[in-house]
Protein backbone atom coordinates (compact mmCIF):
# COMPACT_ATOMS: atom_id res chain seq x y z
CA MET A 1 34.56 78.50 81.34
CA VAL A 2 33.63 75.21 83.00
CA TRP A 3 36.06 72.33 83.25
CA ASP A 4 34.76 68.81 83.86
CA SER A 5 38.09 67.49 85.09
CA GLU A 6 41.34 68.66 86.60
CA ARG A 7 43.08 70.91 84.17
CA SER A 8 46.77 71.27 83.66
CA ARG A 9 48.58 74.60 83.64
CA GLU A 10 48.74 74.32 79.83
CA MET A 11 44.96 73.86 79.64
CA SER A 12 44.43 76.92 81.84
CA ARG A 13 46.58 78.97 79.49
CA LEU A 14 44.23 78.03 76.64
CA GLU A 15 41.20 79.66 78.27
CA PRO A 16 41.59 83.09 76.61
CA ALA A 17 41.98 81.51 73.16
CA LEU A 18 38.99 79.23 73.73
CA ARG A 19 36.88 82.21 74.81
CA ARG A 20 37.97 84.15 71.71
CA PHE A 21 37.04 81.16 69.53
CA ALA A 22 33.55 80.98 71.02
CA ALA A 23 33.04 84.74 70.65
CA ALA A 24 34.32 84.77 67.05
CA ALA A 25 31.98 81.89 66.23
CA GLY A 26 29.08 83.74 67.86
CA LEU A 27 28.57 80.97 70.41
CA ALA A 28 27.44 81.80 73.94
CA VAL A 29 27.62 78.09 74.81
CA VAL A 30 29.96 75.53 73.26
CA GLU A 31 31.42 72.20 74.37
CA LEU A 32 35.05 71.56 73.49
CA ALA A 33 36.84 68.27 74.03
CA LEU A 34 40.57 68.64 74.61
CA ALA A 35 43.25 65.96 74.51
CA GLU A 36 46.92 65.90 75.29
CA THR A 37 48.97 64.92 72.25
CA SER A 38 52.66 64.74 71.46
CA LYS A 39 52.32 68.32 70.14
CA GLY A 40 50.52 69.61 73.24
CA ILE A 41 46.87 70.17 74.05
CA CYS A 42 44.53 70.02 71.04
CA VAL A 43 40.82 70.54 70.53
CA VAL A 44 39.53 67.19 69.30
CA ALA A 45 35.79 67.90 69.16
CA VAL A 46 33.45 70.88 69.07
CA GLN A 47 29.79 70.56 70.02
CA THR A 48 27.62 73.64 69.51
CA HIS A 49 24.75 71.96 71.38
CA PRO A 50 26.40 70.59 74.53
CA ARG A 51 24.84 67.53 76.13
CA LEU A 52 24.77 68.02 79.88
CA GLU A 53 24.48 64.31 80.62
CA ARG A 54 28.11 63.91 79.55
CA PHE A 55 29.31 66.02 82.49
CA GLY A 56 29.80 65.23 86.15
CA ASP A 57 27.49 66.67 88.79
CA ALA A 58 29.72 69.62 89.77
CA ALA A 59 30.29 70.70 86.15
CA TRP A 60 26.61 70.18 85.36
CA ALA A 61 25.53 72.51 88.17
CA GLU A 62 28.09 75.12 87.12
CA ILE A 63 26.93 74.95 83.49
CA VAL A 64 23.27 75.34 84.45
CA ASP A 65 24.10 78.32 86.67
CA ALA A 66 26.06 79.96 83.83
CA ILE A 67 23.21 79.42 81.34
CA VAL A 68 20.68 80.89 83.79
CA GLN A 69 22.92 83.94 84.27
CA LEU A 70 23.30 84.32 80.51
CA LEU A 71 19.53 84.16 79.98
CA MET A 72 18.87 86.62 82.80
CA THR A 73 21.39 89.07 81.35
CA GLU A 74 19.79 88.77 77.91
CA ALA A 75 16.31 89.25 79.41
CA GLU A 76 17.43 92.33 81.35
CA GLY A 77 18.93 93.75 78.16
CA ALA A 78 15.71 93.13 76.25
CA HIS A 79 13.65 94.94 78.91
CA GLY A 80 16.03 97.90 78.88
CA ARG A 81 15.47 98.59 75.18
């Protein structure tokens, strides 16, 4: 889970549900835009092909590192078959 901005306590509590959503959708990588509304935090956009240029430098580096780790894990699994 990579956050591109400071997150509130409420946003942090959403992490398990957001991870379950991605897993249920079969997505290893997904970009979710969240917004605070009068009813609380809501997902306002889902992008299954995240665009890295939308993120700040720190988030960008963290995302790239996570993708590299994901690909390495997949490659190791493929060689172990």
